[in-house]
C-alpha cells in the first residue's frame, strides 16, 4: 500500500515562506489527483490546492497568488510553495492522493505555524 510522507513544515514569521514536500513510497504515477489540505483544531479538513494528472491546478481563494502546487514524477513527490504566509495559514497540512476526484490516501500531516 502506498504511503505519503510530508515534510517542510515549521515556524515562520508572517510574510515568510515555506516549501512543503510529499513523497509517495510507491510513486505518484497513476494518481489522478494530488492535493494539499489544511486542518485547524475543531474544524474539518479543507482543500488548499490540487493538481490533476494532466497538470490542471486548483486553489482555495484564500491562497490564490500565494501558494503554488507542483509535482515531480522523477522524485515521486508533490510540492506546495507557500509564500507571503499569514497567521491564518497556521494549520496542519496534509498531503492527499486519489485515483479519481476524491482522496483515498493521506499522509500523516506536517505542522505549519505562522507567528511573530
PDB file of N, CA and C in Angstrom:
ATOM      1  N   UNK A   1       0.848  -1.181   0.000  1.00  0.00           N
ATOM      2  CA  UNK A   1       0.000   0.000   0.000  1.00  0.00           C
ATOM      3  C   UNK A   1       0.889   1.238   0.000  1.00  0.00           C
ATOM      4  N   UNK A   2       0.532   2.195  -0.814  1.00  0.00           N
ATOM      5  CA  UNK A   2       1.341   3.402  -0.915  1.00  0.00           C
ATOM      6  C   UNK A   2       1.234   4.222   0.364  1.00  0.00           C
ATOM      7  N   UNK A   3       2.320   4.834   0.758  1.00  0.00           N
ATOM      8  CA  UNK A   3       2.350   5.745   1.897  1.00  0.00           C
ATOM      9  C   UNK A   3       2.823   7.108   1.427  1.00  0.00           C
ATOM     10  N   UNK A   4       2.222   8.129   2.026  1.00  0.00           N
ATOM     11  CA  UNK A   4       2.609   9.512   1.726  1.00  0.00           C
ATOM     12  C   UNK A   4       3.287  10.101   2.947  1.00  0.00           C
ATOM     13  N   UNK A   5       4.420  10.738   2.748  1.00  0.00           N
ATOM     14  CA  UNK A   5       5.174  11.318   3.852  1.00  0.00           C
ATOM     15  C   UNK A   5       5.423  12.790   3.549  1.00  0.00           C
ATOM     16  N   UNK A   6       4.891  13.646   4.435  1.00  0.00           N
ATOM     17  CA  UNK A   6       5.075  15.087   4.268  1.00  0.00           C
ATOM     18  C   UNK A   6       6.288  15.576   5.047  1.00  0.00           C
ATOM     19  N   UNK A   7       6.847  16.666   4.573  1.00  0.00           N
ATOM     20  CA  UNK A   7       7.939  17.337   5.282  1.00  0.00           C
ATOM     21  C   UNK A   7       7.943  18.801   4.881  1.00  0.00           C
ATOM     22  N   UNK A   8       8.694  19.602   5.635  1.00  0.00           N
ATOM     23  CA  UNK A   8       8.852  21.004   5.271  1.00  0.00           C
ATOM     24  C   UNK A   8       8.103  21.988   6.136  1.00  0.00           C
ATOM     25  N   UNK A   9       7.281  21.495   7.041  1.00  0.00           N
ATOM     26  CA  UNK A   9       6.564  22.404   7.925  1.00  0.00           C
ATOM     27  C   UNK A   9       7.504  23.028   8.949  1.00  0.00           C
ATOM     28  N   UNK A  10       6.964  23.981   9.709  1.00  0.00           N
ATOM     29  CA  UNK A  10       7.772  24.618  10.734  1.00  0.00           C
ATOM     30  C   UNK A  10       7.180  25.935  11.163  1.00  0.00           C
ATOM     31  N   UNK A  11       8.000  26.700  11.862  1.00  0.00           N
ATOM     32  CA  UNK A  11       7.603  28.015  12.357  1.00  0.00           C
ATOM     33  C   UNK A  11       8.206  29.083  11.445  1.00  0.00           C
ATOM     34  N   UNK A  12       7.376  30.012  11.017  1.00  0.00           N
ATOM     35  CA  UNK A  12       7.834  31.066  10.132  1.00  0.00           C
ATOM     36  C   UNK A  12       7.123  32.357  10.507  1.00  0.00           C
ATOM     37  N   UNK A  13       7.780  33.468  10.294  1.00  0.00           N
ATOM     38  CA  UNK A  13       7.175  34.762  10.582  1.00  0.00           C
ATOM     39  C   UNK A  13       6.206  35.161   9.476  1.00  0.00           C
ATOM     40  N   UNK A  14       5.224  35.992   9.806  1.00  0.00           N
ATOM     41  CA  UNK A  14       4.316  36.499   8.758  1.00  0.00           C
ATOM     42  C   UNK A  14       5.107  37.134   7.622  1.00  0.00           C
ATOM     43  N   UNK A  15       4.671  36.829   6.406  1.00  0.00           N
ATOM     44  CA  UNK A  15       5.385  37.285   5.219  1.00  0.00           C
ATOM     45  C   UNK A  15       6.452  36.341   4.744  1.00  0.00           C
ATOM     46  N   UNK A  16       6.746  35.335   5.534  1.00  0.00           N
ATOM     47  CA  UNK A  16       7.775  34.369   5.180  1.00  0.00           C
ATOM     48  C   UNK A  16       7.284  33.314   4.215  1.00  0.00           C
ATOM     49  N   UNK A  17       8.140  32.333   3.959  1.00  0.00           N
ATOM     50  CA  UNK A  17       7.785  31.292   3.018  1.00  0.00           C
ATOM     51  C   UNK A  17       8.217  29.923   3.521  1.00  0.00           C
ATOM     52  N   UNK A  18       7.531  28.914   3.030  1.00  0.00           N
ATOM     53  CA  UNK A  18       7.855  27.513   3.287  1.00  0.00           C
ATOM     54  C   UNK A  18       7.586  26.705   2.032  1.00  0.00           C
ATOM     55  N   UNK A  19       8.255  25.579   1.921  1.00  0.00           N
ATOM     56  CA  UNK A  19       8.002  24.650   0.818  1.00  0.00           C
ATOM     57  C   UNK A  19       7.718  23.283   1.422  1.00  0.00           C
ATOM     58  N   UNK A  20       6.496  22.819   1.222  1.00  0.00           N
ATOM     59  CA  UNK A  20       6.107  21.500   1.707  1.00  0.00           C
ATOM     60  C   UNK A  20       6.373  20.454   0.628  1.00  0.00           C
ATOM     61  N   UNK A  21       6.811  19.298   1.072  1.00  0.00           N
ATOM     62  CA  UNK A  21       7.077  18.181   0.170  1.00  0.00           C
ATOM     63  C   UNK A  21       6.305  16.962   0.633  1.00  0.00           C
ATOM     64  N   UNK A  22       5.735  16.252  -0.308  1.00  0.00           N
ATOM     65  CA  UNK A  22       5.047  14.987  -0.022  1.00  0.00           C
ATOM     66  C   UNK A  22       5.607  13.943  -0.974  1.00  0.00           C
ATOM     67  N   UNK A  23       6.174  12.900  -0.392  1.00  0.00           N
ATOM     68  CA  UNK A  23       6.782  11.850  -1.193  1.00  0.00           C
ATOM     69  C   UNK A  23       6.001  10.553  -1.036  1.00  0.00           C
ATOM     70  N   UNK A  24       5.709   9.904  -2.164  1.00  0.00           N
ATOM     71  CA  UNK A  24       4.940   8.665  -2.159  1.00  0.00           C
ATOM     72  C   UNK A  24       5.875   7.466  -2.234  1.00  0.00           C
ATOM     73  N   UNK A  25       5.636   6.501  -1.361  1.00  0.00           N
ATOM     74  CA  UNK A  25       6.529   5.346  -1.271  1.00  0.00           C
ATOM     75  C   UNK A  25       6.540   4.511  -2.545  1.00  0.00           C
ATOM     76  N   UNK A  26       5.419   4.494  -3.256  1.00  0.00           N
ATOM     77  CA  UNK A  26       5.328   3.708  -4.481  1.00  0.00           C
ATOM     78  C   UNK A  26       5.181   4.594  -5.711  1.00  0.00           C
ATOM     79  N   UNK A  27       5.538   5.876  -5.561  1.00  0.00           N
ATOM     80  CA  UNK A  27       5.462   6.791  -6.689  1.00  0.00           C
ATOM     81  C   UNK A  27       4.102   7.447  -6.813  1.00  0.00           C
ATOM     82  N   UNK A  28       4.050   8.486  -7.629  1.00  0.00           N
ATOM     83  CA  UNK A  28       2.805   9.233  -7.797  1.00  0.00           C
ATOM     84  C   UNK A  28       2.158   8.989  -9.151  1.00  0.00           C
ATOM     85  N   UNK A  29       2.838   8.242 -10.002  1.00  0.00           N
ATOM     86  CA  UNK A  29       2.237   7.917 -11.298  1.00  0.00           C
ATOM     87  C   UNK A  29       1.028   7.037 -11.056  1.00  0.00           C
ATOM     88  N   UNK A  30      -0.069   7.373 -11.716  1.00  0.00           N
ATOM     89  CA  UNK A  30      -1.289   6.598 -11.559  1.00  0.00           C
ATOM     90  C   UNK A  30      -2.348   7.312 -10.747  1.00  0.00           C
ATOM     91  N   UNK A  31      -1.920   8.267  -9.941  1.00  0.00           N
ATOM     92  CA  UNK A  31      -2.910   9.053  -9.201  1.00  0.00           C
ATOM     93  C   UNK A  31      -3.514  10.111 -10.121  1.00  0.00           C
ATOM     94  N   UNK A  32      -4.827  10.231 -10.062  1.00  0.00           N
ATOM     95  CA  UNK A  32      -5.496  11.278 -10.831  1.00  0.00           C
ATOM     96  C   UNK A  32      -5.367  12.612 -10.126  1.00  0.00           C
ATOM     97  N   UNK A  33      -5.468  12.584  -8.804  1.00  0.00           N
ATOM     98  CA  UNK A  33      -5.472  13.815  -8.017  1.00  0.00           C
ATOM     99  C   UNK A  33      -4.377  13.759  -6.957  1.00  0.00           C
ATOM    100  N   UNK A  34      -3.625  14.841  -6.870  1.00  0.00           N
ATOM    101  CA  UNK A  34      -2.702  15.062  -5.763  1.00  0.00           C
ATOM    102  C   UNK A  34      -3.091  16.393  -5.137  1.00  0.00           C
ATOM    103  N   UNK A  35      -3.139  16.443  -3.817  1.00  0.00           N
ATOM    104  CA  UNK A  35      -3.682  17.646  -3.203  1.00  0.00           C
ATOM    105  C   UNK A  35      -3.060  17.912  -1.838  1.00  0.00           C
ATOM    106  N   UNK A  36      -3.194  19.146  -1.429  1.00  0.00           N
ATOM    107  CA  UNK A  36      -2.824  19.567  -0.074  1.00  0.00           C
ATOM    108  C   UNK A  36      -4.077  20.098   0.616  1.00  0.00           C
ATOM    109  N   UNK A  37      -4.262  19.630   1.850  1.00  0.00           N
ATOM    110  CA  UNK A  37      -5.372  20.074   2.678  1.00  0.00           C
ATOM    111  C   UNK A  37      -4.803  20.694   3.952  1.00  0.00           C
ATOM    112  N   UNK A  38      -5.589  21.542   4.586  1.00  0.00           N
ATOM    113  CA  UNK A  38      -5.200  22.089   5.879  1.00  0.00           C
ATOM    114  C   UNK A  38      -6.288  21.802   6.897  1.00  0.00           C
ATOM    115  N   UNK A  39      -5.871  21.728   8.147  1.00  0.00           N
ATOM    116  CA  UNK A  39      -6.836  21.494   9.217  1.00  0.00           C
ATOM    117  C   UNK A  39      -6.373  22.192  10.476  1.00  0.00           C
ATOM    118  N   UNK A  40      -7.324  22.902  11.109  1.00  0.00           N
ATOM    119  CA  UNK A  40      -7.070  23.514  12.409  1.00  0.00           C
ATOM    120  C   UNK A  40      -7.967  22.811  13.420  1.00  0.00           C
ATOM    121  N   UNK A  41      -7.605  22.836  14.686  1.00  0.00           N
ATOM    122  CA  UNK A  41      -8.393  22.126  15.701  1.00  0.00           C
ATOM    123  C   UNK A  41      -9.852  22.536  15.696  1.00  0.00           C
ATOM    124  N   UNK A  42     -10.727  21.538  15.727  1.00  0.00           N
ATOM    125  CA  UNK A  42     -12.154  21.790  15.806  1.00  0.00           C
ATOM    126  C   UNK A  42     -12.840  22.060  14.486  1.00  0.00           C
ATOM    127  N   UNK A  43     -12.071  22.033  13.415  1.00  0.00           N
ATOM    128  CA  UNK A  43     -12.651  22.291  12.095  1.00  0.00           C
ATOM    129  C   UNK A  43     -12.331  21.142  11.147  1.00  0.00           C
ATOM    130  N   UNK A  44     -13.165  20.971  10.117  1.00  0.00           N
ATOM    131  CA  UNK A  44     -12.886  19.904   9.154  1.00  0.00           C
ATOM    132  C   UNK A  44     -11.685  20.230   8.272  1.00  0.00           C
ATOM    133  N   UNK A  45     -11.126  19.197   7.684  1.00  0.00           N
ATOM    134  CA  UNK A  45     -10.022  19.374   6.763  1.00  0.00           C
ATOM    135  C   UNK A  45     -10.516  20.110   5.515  1.00  0.00           C
ATOM    136  N   UNK A  46      -9.727  21.073   5.045  1.00  0.00           N
ATOM    137  CA  UNK A  46     -10.134  21.889   3.907  1.00  0.00           C
ATOM    138  C   UNK A  46      -9.120  21.786   2.775  1.00  0.00           C
ATOM    139  N   UNK A  47      -9.619  21.766   1.554  1.00  0.00           N
ATOM    140  CA  UNK A  47      -8.750  21.707   0.391  1.00  0.00           C
ATOM    141  C   UNK A  47      -8.034  23.044   0.212  1.00  0.00           C
ATOM    142  N   UNK A  48      -6.724  22.971   0.056  1.00  0.00           N
ATOM    143  CA  UNK A  48      -5.920  24.168  -0.178  1.00  0.00           C
ATOM    144  C   UNK A  48      -5.536  24.270  -1.656  1.00  0.00           C
ATOM    145  N   UNK A  49      -5.034  23.166  -2.203  1.00  0.00           N
ATOM    146  CA  UNK A  49      -4.592  23.158  -3.599  1.00  0.00           C
ATOM    147  C   UNK A  49      -4.602  21.733  -4.116  1.00  0.00           C
ATOM    148  N   UNK A  50      -4.828  21.600  -5.409  1.00  0.00           N
ATOM    149  CA  UNK A  50      -4.811  20.270  -6.032  1.00  0.00           C
ATOM    150  C   UNK A  50      -4.235  20.369  -7.434  1.00  0.00           C
ATOM    151  N   UNK A  51      -3.766  19.214  -7.906  1.00  0.00           N
ATOM    152  CA  UNK A  51      -3.241  19.121  -9.265  1.00  0.00           C
ATOM    153  C   UNK A  51      -3.636  17.764  -9.834  1.00  0.00           C
ATOM    154  N   UNK A  52      -4.094  17.770 -11.082  1.00  0.00           N
ATOM    155  CA  UNK A  52      -4.513  16.511 -11.696  1.00  0.00           C
ATOM    156  C   UNK A  52      -3.347  15.881 -12.462  1.00  0.00           C
ATOM    157  N   UNK A  53      -3.613  14.717 -13.013  1.00  0.00           N
ATOM    158  CA  UNK A  53      -2.567  14.007 -13.750  1.00  0.00           C
ATOM    159  C   UNK A  53      -2.140  14.735 -15.016  1.00  0.00           C
ATOM    160  N   UNK A  54      -2.977  15.648 -15.519  1.00  0.00           N
ATOM    161  CA  UNK A  54      -2.579  16.397 -16.709  1.00  0.00           C
ATOM    162  C   UNK A  54      -2.181  17.829 -16.344  1.00  0.00           C
ATOM    163  N   UNK A  55      -2.012  18.067 -15.063  1.00  0.00           N
ATOM    164  CA  UNK A  55      -1.439  19.337 -14.635  1.00  0.00           C
ATOM    165  C   UNK A  55      -2.412  20.461 -14.381  1.00  0.00           C
ATOM    166  N   UNK A  56      -3.694  20.157 -14.332  1.00  0.00           N
ATOM    167  CA  UNK A  56      -4.676  21.194 -14.030  1.00  0.00           C
ATOM    168  C   UNK A  56      -4.649  21.456 -12.524  1.00  0.00           C
ATOM    169  N   UNK A  57      -4.460  22.713 -12.157  1.00  0.00           N
ATOM    170  CA  UNK A  57      -4.362  23.079 -10.746  1.00  0.00           C
ATOM    171  C   UNK A  57      -5.599  23.842 -10.290  1.00  0.00           C
ATOM    172  N   UNK A  58      -5.842  23.762  -9.003  1.00  0.00           N
ATOM    173  CA  UNK A  58      -6.962  24.461  -8.389  1.00  0.00           C
ATOM    174  C   UNK A  58      -6.533  24.913  -7.006  1.00  0.00           C
ATOM    175  N   UNK A  59      -7.005  26.103  -6.595  1.00  0.00           N
ATOM    176  CA  UNK A  59      -6.593  26.662  -5.315  1.00  0.00           C
ATOM    177  C   UNK A  59      -7.790  27.216  -4.559  1.00  0.00           C
ATOM    178  N   UNK A  60      -7.703  27.155  -3.235  1.00  0.00           N
ATOM    179  CA  UNK A  60      -8.664  27.858  -2.406  1.00  0.00           C
ATOM    180  C   UNK A  60      -8.470  29.361  -2.613  1.00  0.00           C
ATOM    181  N   UNK A  61      -9.553  30.104  -2.531  1.00  0.00           N
ATOM    182  CA  UNK A  61      -9.469  31.549  -2.765  1.00  0.00           C
ATOM    183  C   UNK A  61      -8.470  32.219  -1.818  1.00  0.00           C
ATOM    184  N   UNK A  62      -8.380  31.697  -0.616  1.00  0.00           N
ATOM    185  CA  UNK A  62      -7.532  32.330   0.398  1.00  0.00           C
ATOM    186  C   UNK A  62      -6.042  32.229   0.094  1.00  0.00           C
ATOM    187  N   UNK A  63      -5.655  31.318  -0.811  1.00  0.00           N
ATOM    188  CA  UNK A  63      -4.222  31.145  -1.086  1.00  0.00           C
ATOM    189  C   UNK A  63      -3.841  31.472  -2.521  1.00  0.00           C
ATOM    190  N   UNK A  64      -4.820  31.817  -3.327  1.00  0.00           N
ATOM    191  CA  UNK A  64      -4.521  32.141  -4.727  1.00  0.00           C
ATOM    192  C   UNK A  64      -3.513  33.285  -4.814  1.00  0.00           C
ATOM    193  N   UNK A  65      -2.510  33.087  -5.651  1.00  0.00           N
ATOM    194  CA  UNK A  65      -1.471  34.090  -5.809  1.00  0.00           C
ATOM    195  C   UNK A  65      -0.353  33.987  -4.795  1.00  0.00           C
ATOM    196  N   UNK A  66      -0.538  33.145  -3.765  1.00  0.00           N
ATOM    197  CA  UNK A  66       0.493  32.987  -2.726  1.00  0.00           C
ATOM    198  C   UNK A  66       1.074  31.576  -2.700  1.00  0.00           C
ATOM    199  N   UNK A  67       0.249  30.585  -2.946  1.00  0.00           N
ATOM    200  CA  UNK A  67       0.682  29.189  -2.898  1.00  0.00           C
ATOM    201  C   UNK A  67       0.723  28.613  -4.306  1.00  0.00           C
ATOM    202  N   UNK A  68       1.657  27.708  -4.527  1.00  0.00           N
ATOM    203  CA  UNK A  68       1.776  27.032  -5.813  1.00  0.00           C
ATOM    204  C   UNK A  68       2.004  25.543  -5.597  1.00  0.00           C
ATOM    205  N   UNK A  69       1.140  24.732  -6.207  1.00  0.00           N
ATOM    206  CA  UNK A  69       1.304  23.284  -6.131  1.00  0.00           C
ATOM    207  C   UNK A  69       2.007  22.800  -7.392  1.00  0.00           C
ATOM    208  N   UNK A  70       2.883  21.831  -7.224  1.00  0.00           N
ATOM    209  CA  UNK A  70       3.588  21.260  -8.364  1.00  0.00           C
ATOM    210  C   UNK A  70       3.937  19.812  -8.044  1.00  0.00           C
ATOM    211  N   UNK A  71       4.378  19.095  -9.052  1.00  0.00           N
ATOM    212  CA  UNK A  71       4.747  17.702  -8.830  1.00  0.00           C
ATOM    213  C   UNK A  71       5.969  17.364  -9.660  1.00  0.00           C
ATOM    214  N   UNK A  72       6.680  16.353  -9.247  1.00  0.00           N
ATOM    215  CA  UNK A  72       7.860  15.881  -9.969  1.00  0.00           C
ATOM    216  C   UNK A  72       7.812  14.359  -9.961  1.00  0.00           C
ATOM    217  N   UNK A  73       7.486  13.771 -11.102  1.00  0.00           N
ATOM    218  CA  UNK A  73       7.371  12.323 -11.171  1.00  0.00           C
ATOM    219  C   UNK A  73       8.713  11.644 -10.902  1.00  0.00           C
ATOM    220  N   UNK A  74       9.801  12.274 -11.304  1.00  0.00           N
ATOM    221  CA  UNK A  74      11.112  11.656 -11.102  1.00  0.00           C
ATOM    222  C   UNK A  74      11.482  11.559  -9.625  1.00  0.00           C
ATOM    223  N   UNK A  75      10.861  12.415  -8.808  1.00  0.00           N
ATOM    224  CA  UNK A  75      11.109  12.397  -7.364  1.00  0.00           C
ATOM    225  C   UNK A  75       9.947  11.800  -6.590  1.00  0.00           C
ATOM    226  N   UNK A  76       8.939  11.297  -7.308  1.00  0.00           N
ATOM    227  CA  UNK A  76       7.757  10.695  -6.665  1.00  0.00           C
ATOM    228  C   UNK A  76       7.142  11.646  -5.651  1.00  0.00           C
ATOM    229  N   UNK A  77       7.138  12.928  -5.960  1.00  0.00           N
ATOM    230  CA  UNK A  77       6.753  13.924  -4.972  1.00  0.00           C
ATOM    231  C   UNK A  77       5.827  14.997  -5.530  1.00  0.00           C
ATOM    232  N   UNK A  78       5.042  15.535  -4.614  1.00  0.00           N
ATOM    233  CA  UNK A  78       4.231  16.716  -4.884  1.00  0.00           C
ATOM    234  C   UNK A  78       4.658  17.782  -3.880  1.00  0.00           C
ATOM    235  N   UNK A  79       4.663  19.016  -4.327  1.00  0.00           N
ATOM    236  CA  UNK A  79       5.165  20.114  -3.517  1.00  0.00           C
ATOM    237  C   UNK A  79       4.108  21.206  -3.379  1.00  0.00           C
ATOM    238  N   UNK A  80       4.279  22.021  -2.365  1.00  0.00           N
ATOM    239  CA  UNK A  80       3.488  23.248  -2.262  1.00  0.00           C
ATOM    240  C   UNK A  80       4.396  24.366  -1.768  1.00  0.00           C
ATOM    241  N   UNK A  81       4.622  25.318  -2.646  1.00  0.00           N
ATOM    242  CA  UNK A  81       5.374  26.508  -2.291  1.00  0.00           C
ATOM    243  C   UNK A  81       4.415  27.503  -1.658  1.00  0.00           C
ATOM    244  N   UNK A  82       4.722  27.917  -0.440  1.00  0.00           N
ATOM    245  CA  UNK A  82       3.854  28.799   0.322  1.00  0.00           C
ATOM    246  C   UNK A  82       4.596  30.113   0.546  1.00  0.00           C
ATOM    247  N   UNK A  83       4.129  31.171  -0.104  1.00  0.00           N
ATOM    248  CA  UNK A  83       4.750  32.493   0.021  1.00  0.00           C
ATOM    249  C   UNK A  83       3.819  33.452   0.742  1.00  0.00           C
ATOM    250  N   UNK A  84       4.381  34.541   1.207  1.00  0.00           N
ATOM    251  CA  UNK A  84       3.590  35.586   1.878  1.00  0.00           C
ATOM    252  C   UNK A  84       2.676  34.989   2.934  1.00  0.00           C
ATOM    253  N   UNK A  85       3.231  34.158   3.775  1.00  0.00           N
ATOM    254  CA  UNK A  85       2.427  33.455   4.771  1.00  0.00           C
ATOM    255  C   UNK A  85       1.794  34.395   5.774  1.00  0.00           C
ATOM    256  N   UNK A  86       0.594  34.030   6.191  1.00  0.00           N
ATOM    257  CA  UNK A  86      -0.182  34.811   7.144  1.00  0.00           C
ATOM    258  C   UNK A  86      -0.457  33.969   8.383  1.00  0.00           C
ATOM    259  N   UNK A  87      -0.714  34.610   9.523  1.00  0.00           N
ATOM    260  CA  UNK A  87      -1.067  33.833  10.721  1.00  0.00           C
ATOM    261  C   UNK A  87      -2.253  32.897  10.487  1.00  0.00           C
ATOM    262  N   UNK A  88      -3.193  33.292   9.635  1.00  0.00           N
ATOM    263  CA  UNK A  88      -4.353  32.436   9.336  1.00  0.00           C
ATOM    264  C   UNK A  88      -3.974  31.168   8.570  1.00  0.00           C
ATOM    265  N   UNK A  89      -2.770  31.109   8.045  1.00  0.00           N
ATOM    266  CA  UNK A  89      -2.310  29.894   7.361  1.00  0.00           C
ATOM    267  C   UNK A  89      -1.854  28.824   8.348  1.00  0.00           C
ATOM    268  N   UNK A  90      -1.768  29.164   9.623  1.00  0.00           N
ATOM    269  CA  UNK A  90      -1.354  28.201  10.640  1.00  0.00           C
ATOM    270  C   UNK A  90      -2.318  27.022  10.676  1.00  0.00           C
ATOM    271  N   UNK A  91      -1.786  25.831  10.500  1.00  0.00           N
ATOM    272  CA  UNK A  91      -2.609  24.623  10.444  1.00  0.00           C
ATOM    273  C   UNK A  91      -1.693  23.420  10.313  1.00  0.00           C
ATOM    274  N   UNK A  92      -2.295  22.242  10.415  1.00  0.00           N
ATOM    275  CA  UNK A  92      -1.612  21.023   9.993  1.00  0.00           C
ATOM    276  C   UNK A  92      -1.957  20.820   8.515  1.00  0.00           C
ATOM    277  N   UNK A  93      -0.939  20.613   7.720  1.00  0.00           N
ATOM    278  CA  UNK A  93      -1.131  20.419   6.292  1.00  0.00           C
ATOM    279  C   UNK A  93      -0.943  18.948   5.942  1.00  0.00           C
ATOM    280  N   UNK A  94      -1.928  18.419   5.225  1.00  0.00           N
ATOM    281  CA  UNK A  94      -1.933  17.014   4.843  1.00  0.00           C
ATOM    282  C   UNK A  94      -1.830  16.882   3.327  1.00  0.00           C
ATOM    283  N   UNK A  95      -1.054  15.925   2.920  1.00  0.00           N
ATOM    284  CA  UNK A  95      -0.986  15.550   1.517  1.00  0.00           C
ATOM    285  C   UNK A  95      -2.010  14.452   1.272  1.00  0.00           C
ATOM    286  N   UNK A  96      -2.693  14.538   0.139  1.00  0.00           N
ATOM    287  CA  UNK A  96      -3.676  13.522  -0.207  1.00  0.00           C
ATOM    288  C   UNK A  96      -3.537  13.135  -1.666  1.00  0.00           C
ATOM    289  N   UNK A  97      -3.902  11.897  -1.954  1.00  0.00           N
ATOM    290  CA  UNK A  97      -3.837  11.403  -3.329  1.00  0.00           C
ATOM    291  C   UNK A  97      -5.033  10.522  -3.611  1.00  0.00           C
ATOM    292  N   UNK A  98      -5.495  10.557  -4.854  1.00  0.00           N
ATOM    293  CA  UNK A  98      -6.658   9.751  -5.204  1.00  0.00           C
ATOM    294  C   UNK A  98      -6.643   9.333  -6.659  1.00  0.00           C
ATOM    295  N   UNK A  99      -7.413   8.315  -6.959  1.00  0.00           N
ATOM    296  CA  UNK A  99      -7.469   7.788  -8.320  1.00  0.00           C
ATOM    297  C   UNK A  99      -8.635   8.370  -9.109  1.00  0.00           C
ATOM    298  N   UNK A 100      -9.450   9.173  -8.392  1.00  0.00           N
ATOM    299  CA  UNK A 100     -10.499   9.919  -9.076  1.00  0.00           C
ATOM    300  C   UNK A 100     -10.509  11.302  -8.452  1.00  0.00           C
ATOM    301  N   UNK A 101     -11.630  11.922  -8.353  1.00  0.00           N
ATOM    302  CA  UNK A 101     -11.677  13.273  -7.804  1.00  0.00           C
ATOM    303  C   UNK A 101     -11.619  13.340  -6.301  1.00  0.00           C
ATOM    304  N   UNK A 102     -11.587  12.200  -5.640  1.00  0.00           N
ATOM    305  CA  UNK A 102     -11.539  12.190  -4.182  1.00  0.00           C
ATOM    306  C   UNK A 102     -10.214  11.627  -3.695  1.00  0.00           C
ATOM    307  N   UNK A 103      -9.888  11.920  -2.454  1.00  0.00           N
ATOM    308  CA  UNK A 103      -8.641  11.452  -1.857  1.00  0.00           C
ATOM    309  C   UNK A 103      -8.866  10.112  -1.184  1.00  0.00           C
ATOM    310  N   UNK A 104      -7.995   9.156  -1.468  1.00  0.00           N
ATOM    311  CA  UNK A 104      -8.095   7.832  -0.853  1.00  0.00           C
ATOM    312  C   UNK A 104      -6.872   7.490  -0.008  1.00  0.00           C
ATOM    313  N   UNK A 105      -5.821   8.275  -0.143  1.00  0.00           N
ATOM    314  CA  UNK A 105      -4.602   8.043   0.626  1.00  0.00           C
ATOM    315  C   UNK A 105      -4.182   9.372   1.252  1.00  0.00           C
ATOM    316  N   UNK A 106      -3.859   9.321   2.547  1.00  0.00           N
ATOM    317  CA  UNK A 106      -3.468  10.527   3.268  1.00  0.00           C
ATOM    318  C   UNK A 106      -2.078  10.355   3.863  1.00  0.00           C
ATOM    319  N   UNK A 107      -1.374  11.479   3.971  1.00  0.00           N
ATOM    320  CA  UNK A 107      -0.148  11.495   4.741  1.00  0.00           C
ATOM    321  C   UNK A 107      -0.448  11.755   6.200  1.00  0.00           C
ATOM    322  N   UNK A 108       0.604  11.828   7.008  1.00  0.00           N
ATOM    323  CA  UNK A 108       0.430  11.981   8.448  1.00  0.00           C
ATOM    324  C   UNK A 108       0.304  13.437   8.868  1.00  0.00           C
ATOM    325  N   UNK A 109       0.623  14.351   7.962  1.00  0.00           N
ATOM    326  CA  UNK A 109       0.487  15.770   8.250  1.00  0.00           C
ATOM    327  C   UNK A 109       1.785  16.412   8.694  1.00  0.00           C
ATOM    328  N   UNK A 110       1.896  17.698   8.422  1.00  0.00           N
ATOM    329  CA  UNK A 110       3.044  18.482   8.878  1.00  0.00           C
ATOM    330  C   UNK A 110       2.525  19.834   9.383  1.00  0.00           C
ATOM    331  N   UNK A 111       3.024  20.254  10.539  1.00  0.00           N
ATOM    332  CA  UNK A 111       2.529  21.460  11.189  1.00  0.00           C
ATOM    333  C   UNK A 111       3.198  22.699  10.600  1.00  0.00           C
ATOM    334  N   UNK A 112       2.370  23.681  10.292  1.00  0.00           N
ATOM    335  CA  UNK A 112       2.866  24.989   9.854  1.00  0.00           C
ATOM    336  C   UNK A 112       2.366  26.027  10.850  1.00  0.00           C
ATOM    337  N   UNK A 113       3.285  26.776  11.415  1.00  0.00           N
ATOM    338  CA  UNK A 113       2.949  27.840  12.349  1.00  0.00           C
ATOM    339  C   UNK A 113       3.481  29.158  11.811  1.00  0.00           C
ATOM    340  N   UNK A 114       2.584  30.124  11.655  1.00  0.00           N
ATOM    341  CA  UNK A 114       2.970  31.443  11.171  1.00  0.00           C
ATOM    342  C   UNK A 114       2.747  32.436  12.307  1.00  0.00           C
ATOM    343  N   UNK A 115       3.830  32.909  12.867  1.00  0.00           N
ATOM    344  CA  UNK A 115       3.717  33.766  14.043  1.00  0.00           C
ATOM    345  C   UNK A 115       4.969  34.617  14.184  1.00  0.00           C
ATOM    346  N   UNK A 116       4.777  35.808  14.730  1.00  0.00           N
ATOM    347  CA  UNK A 116       5.925  36.664  15.012  1.00  0.00           C
ATOM    348  C   UNK A 116       6.410  36.451  16.446  1.00  0.00           C
TER     349      UNK A 116
END
